[in-house]
PDB file of N, CA and C in Angstrom:
ATOM      1  N   MET A   1      33.631  35.803   7.204  1.00  0.00           N
ATOM      2  CA  MET A   1      33.031  35.334   7.860  1.00  0.00           C
ATOM      3  C   MET A   1      31.592  35.524   7.738  1.00  0.00           C
ATOM      4  N   ASN A   2      31.004  36.357   7.532  1.00  0.00           N
ATOM      5  CA  ASN A   2      29.640  36.604   6.963  1.00  0.00           C
ATOM      6  C   ASN A   2      29.069  35.764   5.882  1.00  0.00           C
ATOM      7  N   SER A   3      30.215  35.686   5.048  1.00  0.00           N
ATOM      8  CA  SER A   3      29.601  35.123   3.855  1.00  0.00           C
ATOM      9  C   SER A   3      29.520  33.381   3.988  1.00  0.00           C
ATOM     10  N   ARG A   4      30.449  33.036   5.074  1.00  0.00           N
ATOM     11  CA  ARG A   4      30.491  31.635   5.452  1.00  0.00           C
ATOM     12  C   ARG A   4      28.970  31.351   6.179  1.00  0.00           C
ATOM     13  N   LYS A   5      28.783  32.325   6.929  1.00  0.00           N
ATOM     14  CA  LYS A   5      27.485  32.056   7.734  1.00  0.00           C
ATOM     15  C   LYS A   5      26.292  32.144   6.574  1.00  0.00           C
ATOM     16  N   ALA A   6      26.337  32.892   5.737  1.00  0.00           N
ATOM     17  CA  ALA A   6      25.542  33.122   4.622  1.00  0.00           C
ATOM     18  C   ALA A   6      25.237  31.691   3.822  1.00  0.00           C
ATOM     19  N   LEU A   7      26.396  31.373   3.736  1.00  0.00           N
ATOM     20  CA  LEU A   7      26.330  29.708   2.796  1.00  0.00           C
ATOM     21  C   LEU A   7      26.281  28.614   3.595  1.00  0.00           C
ATOM     22  N   ILE A   8      26.148  28.925   4.962  1.00  0.00           N
ATOM     23  CA  ILE A   8      25.679  27.557   5.697  1.00  0.00           C
ATOM     24  C   ILE A   8      23.981  27.896   5.904  1.00  0.00           C
ATOM     25  N   LEU A   9      23.851  29.134   6.062  1.00  0.00           N
ATOM     26  CA  LEU A   9      22.348  29.584   5.959  1.00  0.00           C
ATOM     27  C   LEU A   9      21.497  29.223   4.735  1.00  0.00           C
ATOM     28  N   GLY A  10      22.398  29.364   3.726  1.00  0.00           N
ATOM     29  CA  GLY A  10      21.546  28.754   2.258  1.00  0.00           C
ATOM     30  C   GLY A  10      21.744  27.354   2.297  1.00  0.00           C
ATOM     31  N   THR A  11      22.365  26.823   2.462  1.00  0.00           N
ATOM     32  CA  THR A  11      22.561  25.678   2.582  1.00  0.00           C
ATOM     33  C   THR A  11      21.555  24.532   3.364  1.00  0.00           C
ATOM     34  N   LEU A  12      21.434  25.228   4.499  1.00  0.00           N
ATOM     35  CA  LEU A  12      20.621  24.678   5.305  1.00  0.00           C
ATOM     36  C   LEU A  12      19.141  25.201   4.743  1.00  0.00           C
ATOM     37  N   ALA A  13      18.652  26.182   4.356  1.00  0.00           N
ATOM     38  CA  ALA A  13      17.718  26.652   3.701  1.00  0.00           C
ATOM     39  C   ALA A  13      17.072  25.616   2.564  1.00  0.00           C
ATOM     40  N   ALA A  14      18.297  25.434   1.548  1.00  0.00           N
ATOM     41  CA  ALA A  14      17.847  24.482   0.448  1.00  0.00           C
ATOM     42  C   ALA A  14      17.452  23.202   0.892  1.00  0.00           C
ATOM     43  N   THR A  15      18.239  22.815   1.792  1.00  0.00           N
ATOM     44  CA  THR A  15      18.087  21.077   2.711  1.00  0.00           C
ATOM     45  C   THR A  15      16.632  21.078   3.039  1.00  0.00           C
ATOM     46  N   ALA A  16      16.241  22.221   3.692  1.00  0.00           N
ATOM     47  CA  ALA A  16      14.817  22.208   4.174  1.00  0.00           C
ATOM     48  C   ALA A  16      13.859  22.204   3.404  1.00  0.00           C
ATOM     49  N   LEU A  17      14.040  23.014   2.149  1.00  0.00           N
ATOM     50  CA  LEU A  17      13.075  22.883   1.238  1.00  0.00           C
ATOM     51  C   LEU A  17      13.046  21.633   0.191  1.00  0.00           C
ATOM     52  N   ALA A  18      14.317  20.960   0.001  1.00  0.00           N
ATOM     53  CA  ALA A  18      14.299  19.858  -0.745  1.00  0.00           C
ATOM     54  C   ALA A  18      13.581  18.712  -0.161  1.00  0.00           C
ATOM     55  N   VAL A  19      13.564  18.472   1.041  1.00  0.00           N
ATOM     56  CA  VAL A  19      12.820  17.355   1.665  1.00  0.00           C
ATOM     57  C   VAL A  19      11.334  17.180   1.450  1.00  0.00           C
ATOM     58  N   PRO A  20      10.771  18.424   1.632  1.00  0.00           N
ATOM     59  CA  PRO A  20       9.438  18.116   1.339  1.00  0.00           C
ATOM     60  C   PRO A  20       8.911  18.211  -0.183  1.00  0.00           C
ATOM     61  N   LEU A  21       9.782  18.977  -0.614  1.00  0.00           N
ATOM     62  CA  LEU A  21       9.723  18.805  -2.124  1.00  0.00           C
ATOM     63  C   LEU A  21      10.032  17.321  -2.916  1.00  0.00           C
ATOM     64  N   ALA A  22      10.898  16.499  -2.393  1.00  0.00           N
ATOM     65  CA  ALA A  22      11.050  15.275  -2.484  1.00  0.00           C
ATOM     66  C   ALA A  22       9.831  14.235  -2.227  1.00  0.00           C
ATOM     67  N   TYR A  23       9.492  14.630  -1.119  1.00  0.00           N
ATOM     68  CA  TYR A  23       8.381  13.602  -0.510  1.00  0.00           C
ATOM     69  C   TYR A  23       7.021  13.770  -1.610  1.00  0.00           C
ATOM     70  N   ALA A  24       6.895  15.208  -2.100  1.00  0.00           N
ATOM     71  CA  ALA A  24       5.567  15.508  -2.852  1.00  0.00           C
ATOM     72  C   ALA A  24       6.022  14.742  -4.193  1.00  0.00           C
ATOM     73  N   ALA A  25       7.202  14.845  -4.697  1.00  0.00           N
ATOM     74  CA  ALA A  25       7.357  14.409  -5.885  1.00  0.00           C
ATOM     75  C   ALA A  25       7.108  12.754  -6.060  1.00  0.00           C
ATOM     76  N   SER A  26       7.705  12.312  -4.832  1.00  0.00           N
ATOM     77  CA  SER A  26       7.280  11.000  -4.548  1.00  0.00           C
ATOM     78  C   SER A  26       5.768  10.582  -4.318  1.00  0.00           C
ATOM     79  N   ARG A  27       5.191  11.060  -3.839  1.00  0.00           N
ATOM     80  CA  ARG A  27       3.521  10.964  -3.557  1.00  0.00           C
ATOM     81  C   ARG A  27       2.905  11.188  -4.833  1.00  0.00           C
ATOM     82  N   MET A  28       3.430  11.894  -5.706  1.00  0.00           N
ATOM     83  CA  MET A  28       2.662  12.126  -6.933  1.00  0.00           C
ATOM     84  C   MET A  28       2.732  10.921  -8.033  1.00  0.00           C
ATOM     85  N   ASN A  29       3.995  10.719  -7.603  1.00  0.00           N
ATOM     86  CA  ASN A  29       4.706   9.477  -8.527  1.00  0.00           C
ATOM     87  C   ASN A  29       3.483   7.999  -7.949  1.00  0.00           C
ATOM     88  N   GLU A  30       3.582   8.032  -6.647  1.00  0.00           N
ATOM     89  CA  GLU A  30       2.873   6.724  -6.176  1.00  0.00           C
ATOM     90  C   GLU A  30       1.617   6.955  -6.701  1.00  0.00           C
ATOM     91  N   GLU A  31       0.544   8.285  -6.543  1.00  0.00           N
ATOM     92  CA  GLU A  31      -0.669   8.000  -6.942  1.00  0.00           C
ATOM     93  C   GLU A  31      -0.753   8.055  -8.730  1.00  0.00           C
ATOM     94  N   GLN A  32       0.048   8.485  -9.383  1.00  0.00           N
ATOM     95  CA  GLN A  32       0.014   7.996 -10.659  1.00  0.00           C
ATOM     96  C   GLN A  32       0.255   6.510 -10.852  1.00  0.00           C
ATOM     97  N   ASN A  33       1.317   5.928 -10.236  1.00  0.00           N
ATOM     98  CA  ASN A  33       1.102   4.351 -10.497  1.00  0.00           C
ATOM     99  C   ASN A  33      -0.176   3.948  -9.893  1.00  0.00           C
ATOM    100  N   GLU A  34      -0.921   4.254  -9.267  1.00  0.00           N
ATOM    101  CA  GLU A  34      -2.177   3.758  -8.500  1.00  0.00           C
ATOM    102  C   GLU A  34      -2.767   3.663  -9.550  1.00  0.00           C
ATOM    103  N   ALA A  35      -3.051   5.370 -10.242  1.00  0.00           N
ATOM    104  CA  ALA A  35      -4.119   5.427 -11.367  1.00  0.00           C
ATOM    105  C   ALA A  35      -3.982   4.433 -12.188  1.00  0.00           C
ATOM    106  N   GLN A  36      -2.639   3.945 -12.553  1.00  0.00           N
ATOM    107  CA  GLN A  36      -2.303   3.168 -13.941  1.00  0.00           C
ATOM    108  C   GLN A  36      -2.805   1.755 -13.650  1.00  0.00           C
ATOM    109  N   GLY A  37      -2.414   1.256 -11.950  1.00  0.00           N
ATOM    110  CA  GLY A  37      -3.051   0.008 -12.173  1.00  0.00           C
ATOM    111  C   GLY A  37      -4.610   0.107 -11.746  1.00  0.00           C
ATOM    112  N   LEU A  38      -4.997   1.053 -11.902  1.00  0.00           N
ATOM    113  CA  LEU A  38      -6.640   0.900 -11.603  1.00  0.00           C
ATOM    114  C   LEU A  38      -7.195   1.212 -13.407  1.00  0.00           C
ATOM    115  N   ALA A  39      -6.635   1.698 -13.904  1.00  0.00           N
ATOM    116  CA  ALA A  39      -6.735   1.493 -15.326  1.00  0.00           C
ATOM    117  C   ALA A  39      -6.860   0.347 -16.029  1.00  0.00           C
ATOM    118  N   GLN A  40      -5.669  -0.564 -15.291  1.00  0.00           N
ATOM    119  CA  GLN A  40      -5.366  -1.863 -15.959  1.00  0.00           C
ATOM    120  C   GLN A  40      -6.667  -3.118 -15.264  1.00  0.00           C
ATOM    121  N   ALA A  41      -7.026  -2.631 -14.344  1.00  0.00           N
ATOM    122  CA  ALA A  41      -8.221  -3.288 -13.365  1.00  0.00           C
ATOM    123  C   ALA A  41      -9.373  -3.784 -14.222  1.00  0.00           C
ATOM    124  N   LYS A  42      -9.628  -5.111 -14.241  1.00  0.00           N
ATOM    125  CA  LYS A  42     -10.863  -5.462 -14.852  1.00  0.00           C
ATOM    126  C   LYS A  42     -11.851  -5.739 -13.947  1.00  0.00           C
ATOM    127  N   ILE A  43     -11.393  -6.165 -12.898  1.00  0.00           N
ATOM    128  CA  ILE A  43     -12.515  -6.168 -11.703  1.00  0.00           C
ATOM    129  C   ILE A  43     -12.514  -4.924 -10.339  1.00  0.00           C
ATOM    130  N   SER A  44     -13.455  -4.687  -9.929  1.00  0.00           N
ATOM    131  CA  SER A  44     -13.353  -3.535  -9.177  1.00  0.00           C
ATOM    132  C   SER A  44     -13.042  -3.976  -7.523  1.00  0.00           C
ATOM    133  N   LEU A  45     -12.522  -2.945  -6.850  1.00  0.00           N
ATOM    134  CA  LEU A  45     -12.119  -3.119  -5.925  1.00  0.00           C
ATOM    135  C   LEU A  45     -13.347  -4.115  -4.737  1.00  0.00           C
ATOM    136  N   VAL A  46     -14.476  -3.548  -4.987  1.00  0.00           N
ATOM    137  CA  VAL A  46     -15.554  -4.173  -4.216  1.00  0.00           C
ATOM    138  C   VAL A  46     -15.741  -5.481  -4.554  1.00  0.00           C
ATOM    139  N   GLN A  47     -15.435  -6.020  -6.150  1.00  0.00           N
ATOM    140  CA  GLN A  47     -15.377  -7.204  -6.488  1.00  0.00           C
ATOM    141  C   GLN A  47     -14.444  -8.214  -6.142  1.00  0.00           C
ATOM    142  N   ALA A  48     -13.307  -7.460  -5.616  1.00  0.00           N
ATOM    143  CA  ALA A  48     -12.027  -8.304  -4.945  1.00  0.00           C
ATOM    144  C   ALA A  48     -12.409  -8.451  -3.558  1.00  0.00           C
ATOM    145  N   ILE A  49     -13.074  -7.743  -2.984  1.00  0.00           N
ATOM    146  CA  ILE A  49     -13.449  -7.692  -1.448  1.00  0.00           C
ATOM    147  C   ILE A  49     -14.480  -9.199  -1.604  1.00  0.00           C
ATOM    148  N   GLN A  50     -15.145  -9.242  -2.372  1.00  0.00           N
ATOM    149  CA  GLN A  50     -16.144  -9.867  -2.056  1.00  0.00           C
ATOM    150  C   GLN A  50     -15.737 -11.708  -2.399  1.00  0.00           C
ATOM    151  N   VAL A  51     -14.561 -11.744  -3.274  1.00  0.00           N
ATOM    152  CA  VAL A  51     -13.772 -12.746  -3.480  1.00  0.00           C
ATOM    153  C   VAL A  51     -13.023 -13.256  -2.481  1.00  0.00           C
ATOM    154  N   ALA A  52     -12.434 -11.976  -1.800  1.00  0.00           N
ATOM    155  CA  ALA A  52     -11.557 -12.673  -0.532  1.00  0.00           C
ATOM    156  C   ALA A  52     -12.318 -13.076   0.763  1.00  0.00           C
ATOM    157  N   GLU A  53     -13.549 -12.293   0.946  1.00  0.00           N
ATOM    158  CA  GLU A  53     -14.269 -12.739   1.718  1.00  0.00           C
ATOM    159  C   GLU A  53     -14.903 -13.803   1.509  1.00  0.00           C
ATOM    160  N   GLN A  54     -15.282 -14.227   0.230  1.00  0.00           N
ATOM    161  CA  GLN A  54     -15.833 -15.684   0.414  1.00  0.00           C
ATOM    162  C   GLN A  54     -14.497 -16.838   0.317  1.00  0.00           C
ATOM    163  N   HIS A  55     -13.299 -16.584  -0.321  1.00  0.00           N
ATOM    164  CA  HIS A  55     -12.272 -17.367   0.233  1.00  0.00           C
ATOM    165  C   HIS A  55     -12.009 -17.412   1.294  1.00  0.00           C
ATOM    166  N   ILE A  56     -12.376 -16.642   2.529  1.00  0.00           N
ATOM    167  CA  ILE A  56     -11.782 -17.055   3.719  1.00  0.00           C
ATOM    168  C   ILE A  56     -13.009 -16.881   4.653  1.00  0.00           C
ATOM    169  N   GLY A  57     -14.127 -16.539   4.216  1.00  0.00           N
ATOM    170  CA  GLY A  57     -15.403 -16.766   4.994  1.00  0.00           C
ATOM    171  C   GLY A  57     -15.297 -16.238   6.115  1.00  0.00           C
ATOM    172  N   GLY A  58     -14.962 -14.957   5.931  1.00  0.00           N
ATOM    173  CA  GLY A  58     -14.890 -13.737   6.844  1.00  0.00           C
ATOM    174  C   GLY A  58     -15.403 -12.427   6.174  1.00  0.00           C
ATOM    175  N   LYS A  59     -14.951 -11.365   6.952  1.00  0.00           N
ATOM    176  CA  LYS A  59     -15.654  -9.997   6.513  1.00  0.00           C
ATOM    177  C   LYS A  59     -14.228  -9.126   6.527  1.00  0.00           C
ATOM    178  N   ALA A  60     -14.161  -8.262   5.414  1.00  0.00           N
ATOM    179  CA  ALA A  60     -12.963  -7.560   5.105  1.00  0.00           C
ATOM    180  C   ALA A  60     -12.801  -6.473   6.054  1.00  0.00           C
ATOM    181  N   ALA A  61     -11.868  -6.283   6.557  1.00  0.00           N
ATOM    182  CA  ALA A  61     -11.253  -5.101   7.389  1.00  0.00           C
ATOM    183  C   ALA A  61     -10.598  -4.021   6.961  1.00  0.00           C
ATOM    184  N   SER A  62     -10.010  -4.298   5.631  1.00  0.00           N
ATOM    185  CA  SER A  62      -9.480  -3.089   5.028  1.00  0.00           C
ATOM    186  C   SER A  62      -9.190  -3.814   3.430  1.00  0.00           C
ATOM    187  N   ALA A  63      -9.073  -2.864   2.425  1.00  0.00           N
ATOM    188  CA  ALA A  63      -8.159  -3.372   1.090  1.00  0.00           C
ATOM    189  C   ALA A  63      -8.080  -2.397   0.244  1.00  0.00           C
ATOM    190  N   ARG A  64      -6.913  -2.570  -0.367  1.00  0.00           N
ATOM    191  CA  ARG A  64      -5.969  -1.280  -0.954  1.00  0.00           C
ATOM    192  C   ARG A  64      -5.311  -2.135  -2.146  1.00  0.00           C
ATOM    193  N   LEU A  65      -5.061  -1.276  -3.314  1.00  0.00           N
ATOM    194  CA  LEU A  65      -4.135  -1.441  -4.517  1.00  0.00           C
ATOM    195  C   LEU A  65      -2.880  -1.673  -4.071  1.00  0.00           C
ATOM    196  N   GLU A  66      -2.460  -2.547  -4.219  1.00  0.00           N
ATOM    197  CA  GLU A  66      -0.768  -2.943  -4.239  1.00  0.00           C
ATOM    198  C   GLU A  66      -0.100  -2.950  -5.518  1.00  0.00           C
ATOM    199  N   HIS A  67       1.132  -2.527  -5.505  1.00  0.00           N
ATOM    200  CA  HIS A  67       1.951  -2.740  -6.505  1.00  0.00           C
ATOM    201  C   HIS A  67       3.127  -3.902  -6.038  1.00  0.00           C
ATOM    202  N   GLU A  68       2.875  -5.322  -6.662  1.00  0.00           N
ATOM    203  CA  GLU A  68       3.895  -5.858  -5.841  1.00  0.00           C
ATOM    204  C   GLU A  68       4.910  -6.897  -7.039  1.00  0.00           C
ATOM    205  N   HIS A  69       5.873  -6.974  -6.983  1.00  0.00           N
ATOM    206  CA  HIS A  69       6.600  -7.769  -7.991  1.00  0.00           C
ATOM    207  C   HIS A  69       6.380  -7.597  -9.428  1.00  0.00           C
ATOM    208  N   GLY A  70       6.264  -6.016  -9.851  1.00  0.00           N
ATOM    209  CA  GLY A  70       6.089  -5.660 -11.218  1.00  0.00           C
ATOM    210  C   GLY A  70       4.692  -5.973 -11.777  1.00  0.00           C
ATOM    211  N   LYS A  71       3.949  -6.076 -10.702  1.00  0.00           N
ATOM    212  CA  LYS A  71       2.207  -6.059 -11.228  1.00  0.00           C
ATOM    213  C   LYS A  71       1.592  -5.551  -9.937  1.00  0.00           C
ATOM    214  N   PHE A  72       0.201  -5.154 -10.342  1.00  0.00           N
ATOM    215  CA  PHE A  72      -0.742  -4.675  -9.507  1.00  0.00           C
ATOM    216  C   PHE A  72      -1.803  -5.877  -8.728  1.00  0.00           C
ATOM    217  N   VAL A  73      -2.103  -5.454  -8.000  1.00  0.00           N
ATOM    218  CA  VAL A  73      -2.977  -6.723  -6.811  1.00  0.00           C
ATOM    219  C   VAL A  73      -3.707  -6.058  -5.980  1.00  0.00           C
ATOM    220  N   TYR A  74      -4.933  -6.463  -5.530  1.00  0.00           N
ATOM    221  CA  TYR A  74      -5.680  -6.010  -4.562  1.00  0.00           C
ATOM    222  C   TYR A  74      -5.299  -6.711  -3.389  1.00  0.00           C
ATOM    223  N   GLU A  75      -4.993  -6.198  -2.250  1.00  0.00           N
ATOM    224  CA  GLU A  75      -4.602  -6.879  -1.065  1.00  0.00           C
ATOM    225  C   GLU A  75      -5.725  -6.446  -0.470  1.00  0.00           C
ATOM    226  N   VAL A  76      -6.546  -7.360   0.299  1.00  0.00           N
ATOM    227  CA  VAL A  76      -7.757  -7.354   1.365  1.00  0.00           C
ATOM    228  C   VAL A  76      -7.417  -7.971   2.402  1.00  0.00           C
ATOM    229  N   GLU A  77      -7.507  -7.487   3.489  1.00  0.00           N
ATOM    230  CA  GLU A  77      -7.261  -8.195   5.062  1.00  0.00           C
ATOM    231  C   GLU A  77      -8.778  -8.148   5.419  1.00  0.00           C
ATOM    232  N   VAL A  78      -8.800  -9.859   5.603  1.00  0.00           N
ATOM    233  CA  VAL A  78     -10.112 -10.431   6.097  1.00  0.00           C
ATOM    234  C   VAL A  78     -10.100 -10.888   7.449  1.00  0.00           C
ATOM    235  N   LEU A  79     -10.872 -10.570   8.254  1.00  0.00           N
ATOM    236  CA  LEU A  79     -11.250 -10.955   9.642  1.00  0.00           C
ATOM    237  C   LEU A  79     -12.186 -12.445   9.712  1.00  0.00           C
ATOM    238  N   ARG A  80     -11.615 -13.324  10.407  1.00  0.00           N
ATOM    239  CA  ARG A  80     -12.589 -14.476  10.663  1.00  0.00           C
ATOM    240  C   ARG A  80     -12.346 -14.782  11.894  1.00  0.00           C
ATOM    241  N   GLY A  81     -13.213 -14.340  13.039  1.00  0.00           N
ATOM    242  CA  GLY A  81     -13.057 -14.724  14.388  1.00  0.00           C
ATOM    243  C   GLY A  81     -11.870 -13.682  14.888  1.00  0.00           C
ATOM    244  N   GLU A  82     -11.168 -14.160  15.282  1.00  0.00           N
ATOM    245  CA  GLU A  82      -9.848 -13.413  15.871  1.00  0.00           C
ATOM    246  C   GLU A  82      -8.566 -13.503  14.908  1.00  0.00           C
ATOM    247  N   GLN A  83      -8.773 -13.980  13.680  1.00  0.00           N
ATOM    248  CA  GLN A  83      -7.808 -14.034  12.719  1.00  0.00           C
ATOM    249  C   GLN A  83      -7.869 -13.318  11.355  1.00  0.00           C
ATOM    250  N   ALA A  84      -6.663 -12.484  11.376  1.00  0.00           N
ATOM    251  CA  ALA A  84      -6.708 -11.550  10.270  1.00  0.00           C
ATOM    252  C   ALA A  84      -5.865 -12.302   9.078  1.00  0.00           C
ATOM    253  N   THR A  85      -6.378 -12.359   7.919  1.00  0.00           N
ATOM    254  CA  THR A  85      -5.507 -12.913   6.566  1.00  0.00           C
ATOM    255  C   THR A  85      -5.566 -12.038   5.812  1.00  0.00           C
ATOM    256  N   ASP A  86      -4.255 -11.570   5.141  1.00  0.00           N
ATOM    257  CA  ASP A  86      -4.180 -10.967   3.826  1.00  0.00           C
ATOM    258  C   ASP A  86      -4.330 -11.486   2.789  1.00  0.00           C
ATOM    259  N   VAL A  87      -5.283 -11.452   1.919  1.00  0.00           N
ATOM    260  CA  VAL A  87      -5.646 -11.921   0.513  1.00  0.00           C
ATOM    261  C   VAL A  87      -5.129 -11.248  -0.314  1.00  0.00           C
ATOM    262  N   LYS A  88      -4.166 -11.903  -1.089  1.00  0.00           N
ATOM    263  CA  LYS A  88      -4.422 -10.929  -2.587  1.00  0.00           C
ATOM    264  C   LYS A  88      -5.013 -11.416  -3.844  1.00  0.00           C
ATOM    265  N   VAL A  89      -5.580 -10.683  -4.542  1.00  0.00           N
ATOM    266  CA  VAL A  89      -6.427 -10.911  -5.531  1.00  0.00           C
ATOM    267  C   VAL A  89      -6.209 -10.228  -6.958  1.00  0.00           C
ATOM    268  N   ASP A  90      -5.940 -10.914  -7.783  1.00  0.00           N
ATOM    269  CA  ASP A  90      -5.501 -10.634  -8.978  1.00  0.00           C
ATOM    270  C   ASP A  90      -6.525  -9.574  -9.775  1.00  0.00           C
ATOM    271  N   ILE A  91      -6.017  -8.552 -10.182  1.00  0.00           N
ATOM    272  CA  ILE A  91      -6.640  -6.933 -10.964  1.00  0.00           C
ATOM    273  C   ILE A  91      -7.261  -7.483 -12.202  1.00  0.00           C
ATOM    274  N   ALA A  92      -6.755  -8.473 -12.911  1.00  0.00           N
ATOM    275  CA  ALA A  92      -7.017  -8.694 -14.280  1.00  0.00           C
ATOM    276  C   ALA A  92      -8.206  -9.865 -13.926  1.00  0.00           C
ATOM    277  N   ASP A  93      -8.281 -10.881 -13.290  1.00  0.00           N
ATOM    278  CA  ASP A  93      -9.410 -12.175 -13.459  1.00  0.00           C
ATOM    279  C   ASP A  93     -10.225 -11.885 -12.006  1.00  0.00           C
ATOM    280  N   GLY A  94      -9.393 -11.810 -10.799  1.00  0.00           N
ATOM    281  CA  GLY A  94     -10.396 -11.869  -9.520  1.00  0.00           C
ATOM    282  C   GLY A  94      -9.961 -12.905  -8.672  1.00  0.00           C
ATOM    283  N   LYS A  95      -8.853 -14.224  -9.470  1.00  0.00           N
ATOM    284  CA  LYS A  95      -8.445 -15.019  -9.002  1.00  0.00           C
ATOM    285  C   LYS A  95      -7.594 -14.574  -7.585  1.00  0.00           C
ATOM    286  N   VAL A  96      -8.004 -15.506  -6.535  1.00  0.00           N
ATOM    287  CA  VAL A  96      -6.754 -15.519  -5.381  1.00  0.00           C
ATOM    288  C   VAL A  96      -5.677 -15.817  -5.625  1.00  0.00           C
ATOM    289  N   LEU A  97      -4.548 -15.239  -5.555  1.00  0.00           N
ATOM    290  CA  LEU A  97      -3.093 -15.423  -5.837  1.00  0.00           C
ATOM    291  C   LEU A  97      -2.702 -15.808  -4.603  1.00  0.00           C
ATOM    292  N   SER A  98      -2.919 -15.435  -3.225  1.00  0.00           N
ATOM    293  CA  SER A  98      -2.435 -15.863  -2.068  1.00  0.00           C
ATOM    294  C   SER A  98      -3.537 -15.658  -0.958  1.00  0.00           C
ATOM    295  N   ALA A  99      -3.135 -16.246   0.207  1.00  0.00           N
ATOM    296  CA  ALA A  99      -4.077 -16.303   1.437  1.00  0.00           C
ATOM    297  C   ALA A  99      -3.178 -16.319   2.518  1.00  0.00           C
ATOM    298  N   LYS A 100      -2.586 -15.216   3.407  1.00  0.00           N
ATOM    299  CA  LYS A 100      -1.324 -15.643   4.298  1.00  0.00           C
ATOM    300  C   LYS A 100      -2.131 -15.024   5.411  1.00  0.00           C
ATOM    301  N   ALA A 101      -1.709 -15.572   6.773  1.00  0.00           N
ATOM    302  CA  ALA A 101      -2.299 -14.876   8.134  1.00  0.00           C
ATOM    303  C   ALA A 101      -1.431 -13.574   7.948  1.00  0.00           C
ATOM    304  N   ASP A 102      -1.929 -12.702   8.658  1.00  0.00           N
ATOM    305  CA  ASP A 102      -1.416 -11.452   8.969  1.00  0.00           C
ATOM    306  C   ASP A 102      -0.370 -11.214  10.221  1.00  0.00           C
ATOM    307  N   GLU A 103       1.115 -11.437   9.378  1.00  0.00           N
ATOM    308  CA  GLU A 103       1.891 -11.623  10.515  1.00  0.00           C
ATOM    309  C   GLU A 103       2.234 -10.402  11.484  1.00  0.00           C
ATOM    310  N   ASP A 104       1.688  -9.142  10.906  1.00  0.00           N
ATOM    311  CA  ASP A 104       1.575  -7.994  11.581  1.00  0.00           C
ATOM    312  C   ASP A 104       0.530  -8.153  12.738  1.00  0.00           C
ATOM    313  N   GLU A 105      -0.478  -8.716  12.575  1.00  0.00           N
ATOM    314  CA  GLU A 105      -1.432  -8.673  13.541  1.00  0.00           C
ATOM    315  C   GLU A 105      -1.082  -9.756  14.377  1.00  0.00           C
ATOM    316  N   HIS A 106      -0.361 -10.728  14.319  1.00  0.00           N
ATOM    317  CA  HIS A 106       0.429 -11.693  15.416  1.00  0.00           C
ATOM    318  C   HIS A 106       1.259 -10.968  16.283  1.00  0.00           C
ATOM    319  N   GLU A 107       2.301 -10.084  15.514  1.00  0.00           N
ATOM    320  CA  GLU A 107       3.205  -9.568  16.326  1.00  0.00           C
ATOM    321  C   GLU A 107       2.747  -8.476  17.351  1.00  0.00           C
ATOM    322  N   GLN A 108       1.419  -7.611  17.046  1.00  0.00           N
ATOM    323  CA  GLN A 108       1.034  -6.633  17.657  1.00  0.00           C
ATOM    324  C   GLN A 108       0.391  -7.379  19.087  1.00  0.00           C
ATOM    325  N   ARG A 109      -0.055  -8.407  18.981  1.00  0.00           N
ATOM    326  CA  ARG A 109      -0.723  -9.338  20.224  1.00  0.00           C
ATOM    327  C   ARG A 109       0.270 -10.113  20.945  1.00  0.00           C
ATOM    328  N   GLY A 110       1.629 -10.127  20.441  1.00  0.00           N
ATOM    329  CA  GLY A 110       2.819 -10.613  20.903  1.00  0.00           C
ATOM    330  C   GLY A 110       2.611 -12.226  20.739  1.00  0.00           C
ATOM    331  N   GLU A 111       2.232 -12.451  19.678  1.00  0.00           N
ATOM    332  CA  GLU A 111       2.414 -13.856  19.122  1.00  0.00           C
ATOM    333  C   GLU A 111       3.429 -13.876  18.102  1.00  0.00           C
ATOM    334  N   HIS A 112       4.001 -15.430  18.074  1.00  0.00           N
ATOM    335  CA  HIS A 112       5.055 -15.686  17.026  1.00  0.00           C
ATOM    336  C   HIS A 112       4.576 -16.667  16.007  1.00  0.00           C
TER     337      HIS A 112
END
């Protein structure tokens, strides 16, 4: 009976340690991917923000590097009045790849 309890406790302890370690490894891998993306970038995040703001005619609320469909892009959320737009900017040449109304913003306000 004692060996069974020890086995169960050992399994629980191993599981409890495995989850944070897996998360840490995942986070490190994500950071390495972001570093690779930034190394590939020919334009800066600041330049991408300027491009997105000019494209929409608004002000950037947030910006980040994203990995989508096998390539890196800058995603800039631009506000113009009450409208939030997600603008994707190519890291290689600074061209706007897409500009779409931020669906999350509409959902938060109860719009569809």
